[in-house]
Protein backbone atom coordinates (compact mmCIF):
# COMPACT_ATOMS: atom_id res chain seq x y z
CA MET A 1 79.29 126.09 99.60
CA LEU A 2 77.27 123.97 102.01
CA SER A 3 77.63 120.18 102.36
CA LEU A 4 74.52 119.24 100.42
CA VAL A 5 73.79 116.96 97.46
CA ASP A 6 70.25 116.97 96.07
CA ARG A 7 69.94 114.62 93.08
CA GLY A 8 66.22 115.10 92.51
CA PRO A 9 63.30 113.02 93.78
CA TRP A 10 62.91 109.31 93.04
CA PRO A 11 59.66 108.45 91.18
CA ALA A 12 56.74 107.86 93.54
CA CYS A 13 55.98 104.27 94.47
CA PRO A 14 52.98 102.84 92.60
CA THR A 15 49.78 102.17 94.51
CA PRO A 16 48.37 99.71 95.39
CA PHE A 17 51.65 97.93 96.10
CA ASN A 18 53.09 94.80 97.68
CA MET A 19 56.81 94.37 98.26
CA ALA A 20 56.84 90.64 97.44
CA ALA A 21 54.87 91.25 94.25
CA HIS A 22 57.51 93.79 93.20
CA VAL A 23 60.38 91.40 93.96
CA LEU A 24 58.75 88.59 91.97
CA ALA A 25 57.43 90.76 89.12
CA PRO A 26 59.93 89.27 86.59
CA ALA A 27 58.93 85.68 87.47
CA ASP A 28 56.20 85.18 84.86
CA ARG A 29 58.35 86.58 82.04
CA LEU A 30 61.47 84.66 83.16
CA ALA A 31 59.75 81.53 84.48
CA ASP A 32 62.50 79.06 83.52
CA LYS A 33 65.47 81.28 84.35
CA VAL A 34 67.51 80.42 87.45
CA ALA A 35 66.57 82.88 90.18
CA LEU A 36 68.63 81.28 92.96
CA ALA A 37 71.58 78.92 93.09
CA VAL A 38 72.73 77.66 96.50
CA VAL A 39 76.23 76.47 95.73
CA SER A 40 79.00 74.38 97.25
CA PRO A 41 82.05 72.67 95.68
CA ALA A 42 80.06 69.43 95.41
CA LYS A 43 76.67 70.58 94.13
CA ALA A 44 74.25 73.40 93.39
CA ASP A 45 70.57 73.63 94.34
CA ARG A 46 68.91 75.73 91.63
CA TRP A 47 65.54 77.45 91.86
CA SER A 48 63.84 78.84 88.78
CA PHE A 49 61.79 82.01 89.01
CA ALA A 50 58.64 79.91 88.50
CA ARG A 51 59.59 77.55 91.35
CA LEU A 52 60.47 80.46 93.62
CA LYS A 53 57.19 82.29 92.99
CA ALA A 54 55.14 79.11 93.48
CA ALA A 55 56.92 78.39 96.79
CA VAL A 56 56.41 81.94 98.03
CA LEU A 57 52.71 82.09 97.17
CA GLY A 58 52.11 78.56 98.47
CA THR A 59 53.72 79.65 101.75
CA ALA A 60 51.42 82.68 101.80
CA THR A 61 48.44 80.34 101.48
CA GLY A 62 49.78 78.10 104.24
CA LEU A 63 50.28 81.01 106.64
CA GLN A 64 46.73 82.20 105.95
CA ARG A 65 45.35 78.71 106.55
CA ALA A 66 47.33 78.57 109.81
CA GLY A 67 45.15 81.45 111.01
CA PHE A 68 47.51 84.38 110.56
CA LYS A 69 45.99 87.59 109.26
CA GLU A 70 47.09 90.69 107.38
CA GLY A 71 49.20 92.87 109.67
CA ASP A 72 50.20 90.00 111.99
CA ILE A 73 53.83 90.03 113.16
CA LEU A 74 55.79 86.79 112.62
CA LEU A 75 59.17 86.36 114.33
CA MET A 76 61.60 84.45 112.08
CA ARG A 77 63.99 82.05 113.84
CA LEU A 78 65.28 80.19 110.79
CA GLY A 79 68.74 79.05 109.78
CA ASN A 80 70.97 79.75 106.80
CA THR A 81 68.77 77.94 104.27
CA VAL A 82 66.38 78.77 101.45
CA ASP A 83 63.56 78.44 104.02
CA PHE A 84 64.46 81.96 105.10
CA PRO A 85 63.77 84.05 101.97
CA VAL A 86 60.78 81.89 100.93
CA ALA A 87 59.08 82.34 104.32
CA TYR A 88 60.01 86.03 104.40
CA LEU A 89 58.47 86.78 101.02
CA GLY A 90 55.53 84.46 101.68
CA ALA A 91 54.60 86.41 104.79
CA ILE A 92 54.93 89.77 102.99
CA ALA A 93 52.90 88.49 100.02
CA ALA A 94 50.06 87.70 102.45
CA GLY A 95 50.28 91.16 104.04
CA MET A 96 51.90 89.88 107.24
CA VAL A 97 54.95 91.46 108.88
CA PRO A 98 57.98 89.15 109.16
CA VAL A 99 60.83 89.93 111.53
CA PRO A 100 64.06 88.36 110.18
CA THR A 101 66.64 87.77 112.91
CA SER A 102 70.12 86.30 113.09
CA SER A 103 70.25 82.60 113.95
CA GLN A 104 73.17 83.47 116.26
CA LEU A 105 70.88 85.16 118.79
CA THR A 106 70.49 83.38 122.11
CA ALA A 107 67.19 82.40 123.72
CA SER A 108 67.52 85.22 126.25
CA GLU A 109 67.96 87.77 123.46
CA THR A 110 64.83 86.52 121.71
CA ALA A 111 62.87 86.65 124.98
CA ARG A 112 63.11 90.45 124.91
CA MET A 113 61.98 90.48 121.29
CA LEU A 114 58.95 88.32 122.04
CA VAL A 115 57.84 90.76 124.72
CA GLU A 116 58.36 93.81 122.52
CA LEU A 117 56.87 92.38 119.33
CA ALA A 118 54.00 90.36 120.81
CA PRO A 119 54.07 88.29 117.60
CA ALA A 120 51.13 86.28 116.30
CA GLY A 121 53.51 83.41 115.58
CA VAL A 122 57.11 82.21 115.30
CA LEU A 123 58.63 80.55 112.23
CA LYS A 124 61.31 78.31 113.70
CA ALA A 125 63.97 75.80 112.70
CA PRO A 126 64.61 73.11 115.35
CA GLU A 127 68.31 73.96 115.63
CA VAL A 128 67.79 77.73 116.15
CA ALA A 129 67.45 79.07 119.69
CA CYS A 130 64.26 80.81 120.79
CA ALA A 131 62.72 81.57 124.16
CA ASP A 132 59.56 79.73 125.16
CA THR A 133 56.37 81.35 123.92
CA ASP A 134 52.63 80.75 124.07
CA CYS A 135 52.08 81.90 120.49
CA PRO A 136 51.86 79.34 117.63
CA VAL A 137 55.20 78.02 116.33
CA ILE A 138 55.51 76.88 112.71
CA ASP A 139 58.50 74.62 112.10
CA THR A 140 60.52 74.17 108.90
CA ALA A 141 58.77 70.92 107.98
CA GLU A 142 55.41 72.72 108.02
CA LEU A 143 56.86 75.61 106.02
CA ALA A 144 58.28 73.25 103.41
CA ALA A 145 54.90 71.52 103.03
CA MET A 146 53.18 74.87 102.43
CA ARG A 147 55.16 75.42 99.22
CA ALA A 148 53.01 72.87 97.36
CA LEU A 149 49.73 74.59 98.27
CA PRO A 150 47.71 76.58 95.71
CA PRO A 151 49.07 80.10 95.25
CA ALA A 152 47.63 82.94 97.28
CA GLU A 153 46.88 86.32 95.76
CA PHE A 154 49.28 89.11 96.62
CA VAL A 155 47.69 91.36 99.25
CA MET A 156 47.98 94.81 97.70
CA GLY A 157 47.60 98.07 99.58
CA ASP A 158 49.13 101.37 100.67
CA PRO A 159 52.89 101.36 99.94
CA ASP A 160 53.38 103.24 103.25
CA ARG A 161 51.97 100.40 105.36
CA ARG A 162 54.32 98.26 107.44
CA ALA A 163 55.98 95.38 105.51
CA TYR A 164 58.75 94.03 107.79
CA ILE A 165 60.76 94.76 110.92
CA ILE A 166 64.49 94.36 111.45
CA TYR A 167 66.50 94.73 114.62
CA THR A 168 69.52 96.95 115.08
CA SER A 169 71.46 97.75 118.25
CA GLY A 170 71.07 101.28 119.58
CA THR A 171 73.05 103.64 121.71
CA SER A 172 70.62 102.99 124.56
CA GLY A 173 71.98 99.44 124.78
CA LYS A 174 68.65 97.92 123.78
CA SER A 175 68.16 96.44 120.32
CA ARG A 176 65.73 98.62 118.38
CA ALA A 177 62.98 97.27 116.17
CA VAL A 178 63.12 99.18 112.88
CA GLN A 179 59.81 99.23 110.99
CA HIS A 180 59.97 99.44 107.20
CA ALA A 181 57.20 100.09 104.69
CA HIS A 182 56.44 98.13 101.51
CA ARG A 183 57.83 101.12 99.59
CA ALA A 184 61.33 100.34 100.93
CA ILE A 185 61.91 97.85 98.10
CA TRP A 186 60.87 100.46 95.53
CA ALA A 187 63.38 102.91 96.99
CA ARG A 188 66.13 100.30 96.67
CA GLY A 189 65.91 100.91 92.93
CA MET A 190 68.22 103.87 93.57
CA MET A 191 70.91 101.35 94.50
CA HIS A 192 70.61 99.25 91.34
CA GLN A 193 72.63 101.72 89.26
CA GLY A 194 73.81 103.95 92.09
CA TRP A 195 75.87 101.13 93.60
CA TYR A 196 75.47 97.73 91.95
CA GLY A 197 75.39 98.52 88.23
CA LEU A 198 72.86 95.67 88.25
CA GLY A 199 71.09 94.32 85.17
CA GLU A 200 68.96 91.33 84.21
CA ASP A 201 71.94 89.42 82.83
CA ASP A 202 73.92 89.63 86.07
CA ARG A 203 74.73 86.73 88.37
CA LEU A 204 75.28 88.29 91.80
CA CYS A 205 77.06 86.21 94.43
CA HIS A 206 76.68 87.37 98.03
CA ALA A 207 79.02 85.76 100.55
CA GLY A 208 76.70 86.25 103.54
CA ALA A 209 74.13 83.99 105.14
CA PHE A 210 70.48 84.01 104.01
CA ASN A 211 69.41 85.37 107.39
CA TRP A 212 71.65 88.47 107.34
CA THR A 213 69.77 91.58 106.22
CA PHE A 214 72.70 92.60 103.97
CA THR A 215 72.30 89.31 102.09
CA LEU A 216 68.51 89.46 102.15
CA GLY A 217 68.48 92.83 100.40
CA THR A 218 71.61 93.05 98.25
CA GLY A 219 71.99 89.33 97.62
CA LEU A 220 68.37 88.29 97.00
CA MET A 221 65.59 90.92 96.85
CA ASP A 222 67.42 93.31 94.53
CA PRO A 223 68.67 90.75 91.98
CA TRP A 224 65.23 89.10 91.81
CA SER A 225 63.43 92.40 91.33
CA ARG A 226 65.75 93.04 88.35
CA GLY A 227 65.33 89.52 86.94
CA ALA A 228 68.96 88.67 87.76
CA THR A 229 70.30 85.45 89.30
CA ALA A 230 71.30 85.29 92.98
CA ILE A 231 74.13 82.96 93.98
CA ILE A 232 74.48 82.12 97.69
CA PRO A 233 77.20 79.86 99.17
CA ALA A 234 75.83 76.86 101.08
CA ALA A 235 75.85 77.00 104.88
CA GLY A 236 79.23 76.38 106.47
CA LEU A 237 81.31 77.23 103.41
CA GLU A 238 84.62 78.92 104.22
CA PRO A 239 85.61 82.14 102.37
CA GLU A 240 88.68 80.38 100.94
CA ALA A 241 86.35 78.28 98.74
CA LEU A 242 84.62 81.28 97.19
CA PRO A 243 86.96 81.92 94.22
CA LEU A 244 86.28 78.44 92.83
CA LEU A 245 82.52 78.97 93.09
CA LEU A 246 82.67 82.49 91.66
CA LYS A 247 84.46 81.15 88.59
CA ARG A 248 82.46 77.93 88.24
CA HIS A 249 79.11 79.72 88.42
CA ASP A 250 80.08 82.69 86.24
CA ALA A 251 79.45 85.34 88.90
CA THR A 252 79.48 88.83 87.42
CA ILE A 253 79.16 90.74 90.73
CA PHE A 254 80.51 89.71 94.14
CA ALA A 255 79.16 91.25 97.37
CA ALA A 256 80.60 90.80 100.87
CA ALA A 257 81.62 92.58 104.05
CA PRO A 258 85.25 93.79 104.04
CA GLY A 259 86.23 91.02 106.46
CA VAL A 260 85.34 88.40 103.85
CA TYR A 261 87.52 90.13 101.27
CA ARG A 262 90.38 90.10 103.79
CA LYS A 263 90.05 86.36 104.50
CA LEU A 264 89.75 85.55 100.82
CA LEU A 265 92.86 87.53 99.90
CA MET A 266 94.89 85.92 102.70
CA SER A 267 94.71 82.59 100.85
CA HIS A 268 94.71 83.83 97.22
CA ALA A 269 97.35 86.21 95.89
CA THR A 270 95.71 86.19 92.45
CA LEU A 271 92.12 85.43 91.43
CA ASP A 272 91.17 84.31 87.93
CA LEU A 273 87.55 85.45 87.60
CA PRO A 274 86.96 86.12 83.89
CA LYS A 275 83.21 86.85 84.15
CA LEU A 276 83.42 89.09 87.21
CA ARG A 277 82.84 92.80 86.51
CA HIS A 278 83.30 94.21 90.03
CA GLY A 279 82.85 93.69 93.75
CA LEU A 280 80.59 95.39 96.29
CA ALA A 281 81.47 96.08 99.94
CA ALA A 282 79.37 97.35 102.86
CA GLY A 283 78.77 96.77 106.55
CA GLU A 284 82.00 98.39 107.75
CA LYS A 285 84.68 100.67 106.29
CA LEU A 286 86.68 99.11 103.48
CA SER A 287 90.38 99.71 104.10
CA ALA A 288 92.67 101.09 101.41
CA ARG A 289 94.84 97.98 101.73
CA ILE A 290 91.99 95.54 101.02
CA ARG A 291 90.80 97.65 98.09
CA THR A 292 94.28 97.74 96.56
CA GLU A 293 94.95 94.04 97.12
CA TRP A 294 91.57 93.06 95.61
CA GLU A 295 92.10 95.20 92.54
CA THR A 296 95.63 93.79 92.14
CA ALA A 297 94.49 90.18 92.59
CA THR A 298 91.48 90.40 90.26
CA GLY A 299 92.03 93.36 87.98
CA ARG A 300 88.49 94.41 88.95
CA PRO A 301 87.27 97.38 91.03
CA VAL A 302 85.31 97.12 94.26
CA PHE A 303 82.59 99.69 95.01
CA GLU A 304 81.86 100.63 98.61
CA ALA A 305 78.55 101.85 100.04
CA PHE A 306 77.43 103.55 103.23
CA GLY A 307 74.04 102.93 104.78
CA MET A 308 72.19 101.81 107.86
CA SER A 309 69.35 99.55 108.95
CA GLU A 310 67.02 102.55 109.01
CA CYS A 311 67.57 103.41 105.32
CA SER A 312 69.77 100.78 103.66
CA THR A 313 72.64 102.25 101.57
CA PHE A 314 72.43 105.71 100.05
CA ILE A 315 76.05 106.85 99.45
CA SER A 316 78.19 104.76 97.11
CA GLY A 317 80.55 104.53 94.20
CA ASN A 318 79.39 102.66 91.09
CA PRO A 319 80.68 101.68 87.64
CA ASP A 320 79.40 104.93 86.10
CA GLU A 321 80.56 107.17 88.96
CA PRO A 322 83.54 105.63 90.80
CA ALA A 323 84.41 107.13 94.17
CA HIS A 324 87.25 109.63 94.45
CA ASP A 325 90.35 108.11 96.04
CA GLU A 326 89.37 106.84 99.52
CA THR A 327 85.92 108.43 99.67
CA LEU A 328 82.67 106.46 100.00
CA GLY A 329 81.37 107.99 96.77
CA ARG A 330 78.40 110.28 96.18
CA PRO A 331 74.75 110.16 97.26
CA GLN A 332 72.78 108.05 94.79
CA LYS A 333 70.46 109.60 92.18
CA GLY A 334 67.12 110.28 93.85
CA ARG A 335 68.72 111.10 97.23
CA ARG A 336 69.08 114.33 99.18
CA VAL A 337 71.98 114.01 101.62
CA GLY A 338 73.83 116.57 103.72
CA LEU A 339 76.32 117.03 106.53
CA VAL A 340 74.83 118.84 109.51
CA ASP A 341 75.60 119.92 113.03
CA GLU A 342 73.67 118.81 116.14
CA ALA A 343 70.86 121.28 115.33
CA GLY A 344 70.40 119.91 111.81
CA THR A 345 72.05 122.92 110.14
CA LEU A 346 74.19 122.24 107.07
CA VAL A 347 77.93 122.69 107.57
CA PRO A 348 80.29 124.11 104.90
CA GLN A 349 82.01 121.78 102.42
CA GLY A 350 85.32 120.54 103.76
CA GLU A 351 84.06 120.70 107.37
CA GLU A 352 83.24 117.58 109.36
CA GLY A 353 79.57 117.00 110.15
CA ILE A 354 76.95 114.36 110.89
CA ILE A 355 75.81 112.44 107.81
CA ALA A 356 72.08 113.07 107.35
CA ILE A 357 69.47 111.97 104.83
CA ASP A 358 66.28 113.80 103.95
CA ALA A 359 63.46 112.77 106.29
CA ARG A 360 61.21 112.34 103.21
CA ASP A 361 63.46 109.73 101.59
CA PRO A 362 61.22 106.86 100.40
CA GLY A 363 63.65 104.29 101.80
CA LEU A 364 63.64 105.72 105.33
CA MET A 365 62.05 103.62 108.05
CA LEU A 366 58.57 104.25 109.44
CA GLY A 367 60.08 104.48 112.92
CA TYR A 368 61.29 102.43 115.87
CA LEU A 369 58.58 100.14 117.22
CA GLY A 370 57.30 101.39 120.58
CA ALA A 371 59.93 104.15 120.69
CA GLU A 372 58.31 107.24 119.26
CA ALA A 373 60.46 109.62 121.31
CA GLU A 374 63.65 107.92 120.15
CA THR A 375 62.46 108.12 116.55
CA ALA A 376 61.68 111.82 116.92
CA ALA A 377 65.11 112.46 118.45
CA ARG A 378 66.77 111.34 115.21
CA LEU A 379 64.58 113.61 113.06
CA ILE A 380 65.89 117.17 113.26
CA ASN A 381 65.15 120.12 110.98
CA GLY A 382 63.89 117.90 108.16
CA TRP A 383 66.84 115.50 108.36
CA PHE A 384 67.36 112.00 109.73
CA LEU A 385 70.71 112.04 111.55
CA THR A 386 72.67 108.81 111.09
CA GLY A 387 75.14 109.21 113.96
CA ASP A 388 78.08 108.81 111.55
CA ARG A 389 80.41 111.66 110.62
CA GLY A 390 81.92 112.65 107.31
CA VAL A 391 83.47 115.39 105.19
CA MET A 392 82.08 116.33 101.76
CA ASP A 393 84.24 117.65 98.93
CA ARG A 394 83.08 120.12 96.29
CA ASP A 395 81.95 117.29 93.99
CA GLY A 396 79.74 115.76 96.68
CA HIS A 397 82.00 112.80 97.44
CA MET A 398 81.99 111.78 101.09
CA THR A 399 84.96 110.86 103.27
CA TYR A 400 83.94 108.75 106.26
CA CYS A 401 85.18 109.97 109.67
CA GLY A 402 83.68 107.41 112.05
CA ARG A 403 80.79 107.17 114.47
CA HIS A 404 79.36 110.12 116.38
CA ASP A 405 78.68 107.84 119.35
CA ASP A 406 80.29 104.74 120.88
CA MET A 407 78.69 102.14 118.59
CA MET A 408 81.00 99.26 117.70
CA ASN A 409 81.39 97.35 114.44
CA ALA A 410 81.81 93.59 114.67
CA GLY A 411 82.25 91.93 111.29
CA GLY A 412 79.75 94.23 109.63
CA PHE A 413 77.21 94.17 112.48
CA ARG A 414 76.72 97.30 114.55
CA VAL A 415 76.74 96.49 118.25
CA SER A 416 75.98 98.73 121.20
CA PRO A 417 78.60 98.54 123.99
CA LEU A 418 75.78 99.11 126.50
CA GLU A 419 74.06 95.92 125.35
CA VAL A 420 77.23 93.87 125.91
CA GLU A 421 77.94 95.52 129.26
CA ALA A 422 74.38 94.89 130.45
CA ALA A 423 74.64 91.19 129.55
CA MET A 424 77.88 90.82 131.56
CA HIS A 425 76.91 93.05 134.49
CA ASP A 426 75.79 90.27 136.85
CA PHE A 427 78.79 87.98 136.32
CA PRO A 428 79.90 86.88 139.81
CA GLY A 429 82.77 88.93 141.17
CA LEU A 430 82.69 91.53 138.41
CA ARG A 431 82.56 95.03 139.89
CA ASP A 432 82.65 97.08 136.68
CA ILE A 433 82.97 96.58 132.93
CA GLY A 434 83.43 98.71 129.82
CA VAL A 435 83.63 97.44 126.25
CA THR A 436 84.79 98.93 122.98
CA ASP A 437 86.03 97.75 119.61
CA ILE A 438 89.79 97.54 119.11
CA ALA A 439 91.55 97.64 115.75
CA VAL A 440 93.93 94.67 115.76
CA LYS A 441 94.89 95.23 112.12
CA GLU A 442 94.33 98.01 109.62
CA ASP A 443 91.17 96.25 108.44
CA ALA A 444 90.07 94.07 111.36
CA ALA A 445 88.55 94.91 114.77
CA ILE A 446 87.48 92.87 117.79
CA ILE A 447 85.30 93.61 120.81
CA ALA A 448 87.39 93.95 123.97
CA ALA A 449 86.01 93.98 127.52
CA PHE A 450 87.84 95.91 130.25
CA CYS A 451 86.93 94.62 133.71
CA VAL A 452 87.34 95.58 137.34
CA ALA A 453 87.21 92.59 139.71
CA ASP A 454 88.49 91.61 143.14
CA ALA A 455 90.07 88.36 141.90
CA PRO A 456 91.98 87.50 138.71
CA LEU A 457 89.63 87.14 135.75
CA ASP A 458 88.42 83.67 134.84
CA THR A 459 88.33 84.23 131.10
CA GLN A 460 86.85 80.81 130.34
CA ALA A 461 83.94 81.46 132.69
CA LEU A 462 83.47 84.93 131.19
CA ASP A 463 83.42 83.39 127.71
CA GLN A 464 80.73 80.91 128.73
CA TRP A 465 78.63 83.61 130.41
CA ALA A 466 78.78 85.75 127.26
CA LYS A 467 78.02 82.75 125.04
CA ALA A 468 74.80 82.06 126.95
CA ARG A 469 73.57 85.65 126.70
CA LEU A 470 74.93 87.19 123.50
CA ALA A 471 75.05 86.30 119.82
CA ARG A 472 78.51 85.23 118.71
CA TYR A 473 79.27 88.51 116.94
CA LYS A 474 78.47 90.47 120.13
CA GLN A 475 80.76 88.45 122.41
CA PRO A 476 84.06 89.99 123.59
CA ARG A 477 87.13 88.27 122.18
CA VAL A 478 89.56 89.52 124.84
CA TRP A 479 89.26 90.36 128.53
CA VAL A 480 91.49 92.96 130.16
CA GLN A 481 91.62 93.49 133.92
CA LEU A 482 92.09 97.03 135.21
CA PRO A 483 92.23 98.50 138.73
CA ALA A 484 89.59 101.06 137.63
CA LEU A 485 87.87 102.17 134.45
CA PRO A 486 88.79 105.55 132.94
CA GLN A 487 86.22 108.30 133.47
CA ASN A 488 85.48 111.63 131.85
CA ALA A 489 85.05 114.95 133.64
CA ASN A 490 81.46 114.05 134.55
CA GLY A 491 82.50 110.82 136.22
CA LYS A 492 81.16 108.64 133.39
CA LEU A 493 82.97 105.82 131.63
CA SER A 494 85.19 107.07 128.81
CA ARG A 495 85.19 104.32 126.20
CA ARG A 496 87.52 106.31 123.98
CA ALA A 497 90.09 106.15 126.80
CA LEU A 498 89.79 102.35 126.87
CA LYS A 499 91.28 101.87 123.41
CA PRO A 500 94.86 102.91 124.32
CA LEU A 501 94.79 100.41 127.23
CA TYR A 502 94.92 97.47 124.80
CA PRO A 503 97.08 95.50 124.66
CA PRO A 504 97.83 95.69 128.37
CA PRO A 505 101.49 95.92 129.39
CA GLN A 506 103.11 92.53 129.93
CA PRO A 507 104.66 91.77 133.34
CA GLN A 508 108.45 91.95 133.39
């Protein structure tokens, strides 16, 4: 048997369509229900569905009055506040194309984005870095004032038109702008039962920041489109405080990257969460140890999912179909997923192959902005090749086998080693550098930089150089000096050969 699961097509997206209209569809029926609670141990800022919809459509009016038009690209440089999802949905409601980005990015990183995107405007918080630009900049005070404006009408249209852009690091070393259609939110319906087990009565708490795409989708857009309540911890809250908030606010589903589960369990051997039904994990591989410790501490399962920026999650366990043992689970209903070789040919069950999703999947991106050749290179024989490898059993459950390339995982963010190496290349006295991720525990990895230099490494200076040029999650945590970097038979850097060189031998 071949490594293929075809669970039938997902219903076609309605037309005309607007992603924000779909997300806020329950708002009129559930006007007084709490849509969002931003919580801390001291207080909770609650937003009803009516308040949320009014703020979003007022923002849409404000952006239109500011001169932005349908199809205009707006770069988002906002912090971990409610400003983020309101501005995001407001732009989409008006037919504009927001580009959510991490507030951790440096000014130099955003300079490249400004050139590539040529945005019509920037939505910016004063404390968030951004390169200088000649395009209009709308600050958070202006955005907040827009919420009181009369509501705009949703701009409806072709569900295949561009709705938003997100950035992901690529194997070329350059962050890639991933373009998604309005229909992407419709396709996420496959995740509601295929991963979340999400219903209108749920209260889903996501541990991530507003401006992380994992939070934006799983923590906000999906609960709202189902009429459920989203609970988001206030900015700066430590994971150790989460159990109190989960219990106090009656969370029924908890979502986080595996690293958050690890930190939470380090300070809590048992967790009394009577309303919690289960947890969700994504962003990086969930270790068997964390899974076991969570289930022991809570008495509740945790369901893992596999996905990517180009197509969100599409393989997962769920309450109705738990994953087998240590597998990721099965492709969700509505998906067609296979394991293929480099030519896009299906491999037999039990044989390792590249995880691939049908190129017609309604959740798949429109393509990389300005990189048509790179987009085409990922589309082979009717499949979109993810670059990750797996093995499929006879029931269609997938065991994850790692990346096909050298991409790193830093706290749930995929990072290209080439991007980090390029940022460090001109550091004075550095002759060569290679970076890779290093597993320091069973369930924790760091980025390590291996350097060739004429003088002993000044690690403090290297840290400062990286800090000025790379977001925090992209910065190396350790620096290792070598006489030369390992090379393969073609004379190229072998990053796989770097891993055994850490930790370096200690002098006797």
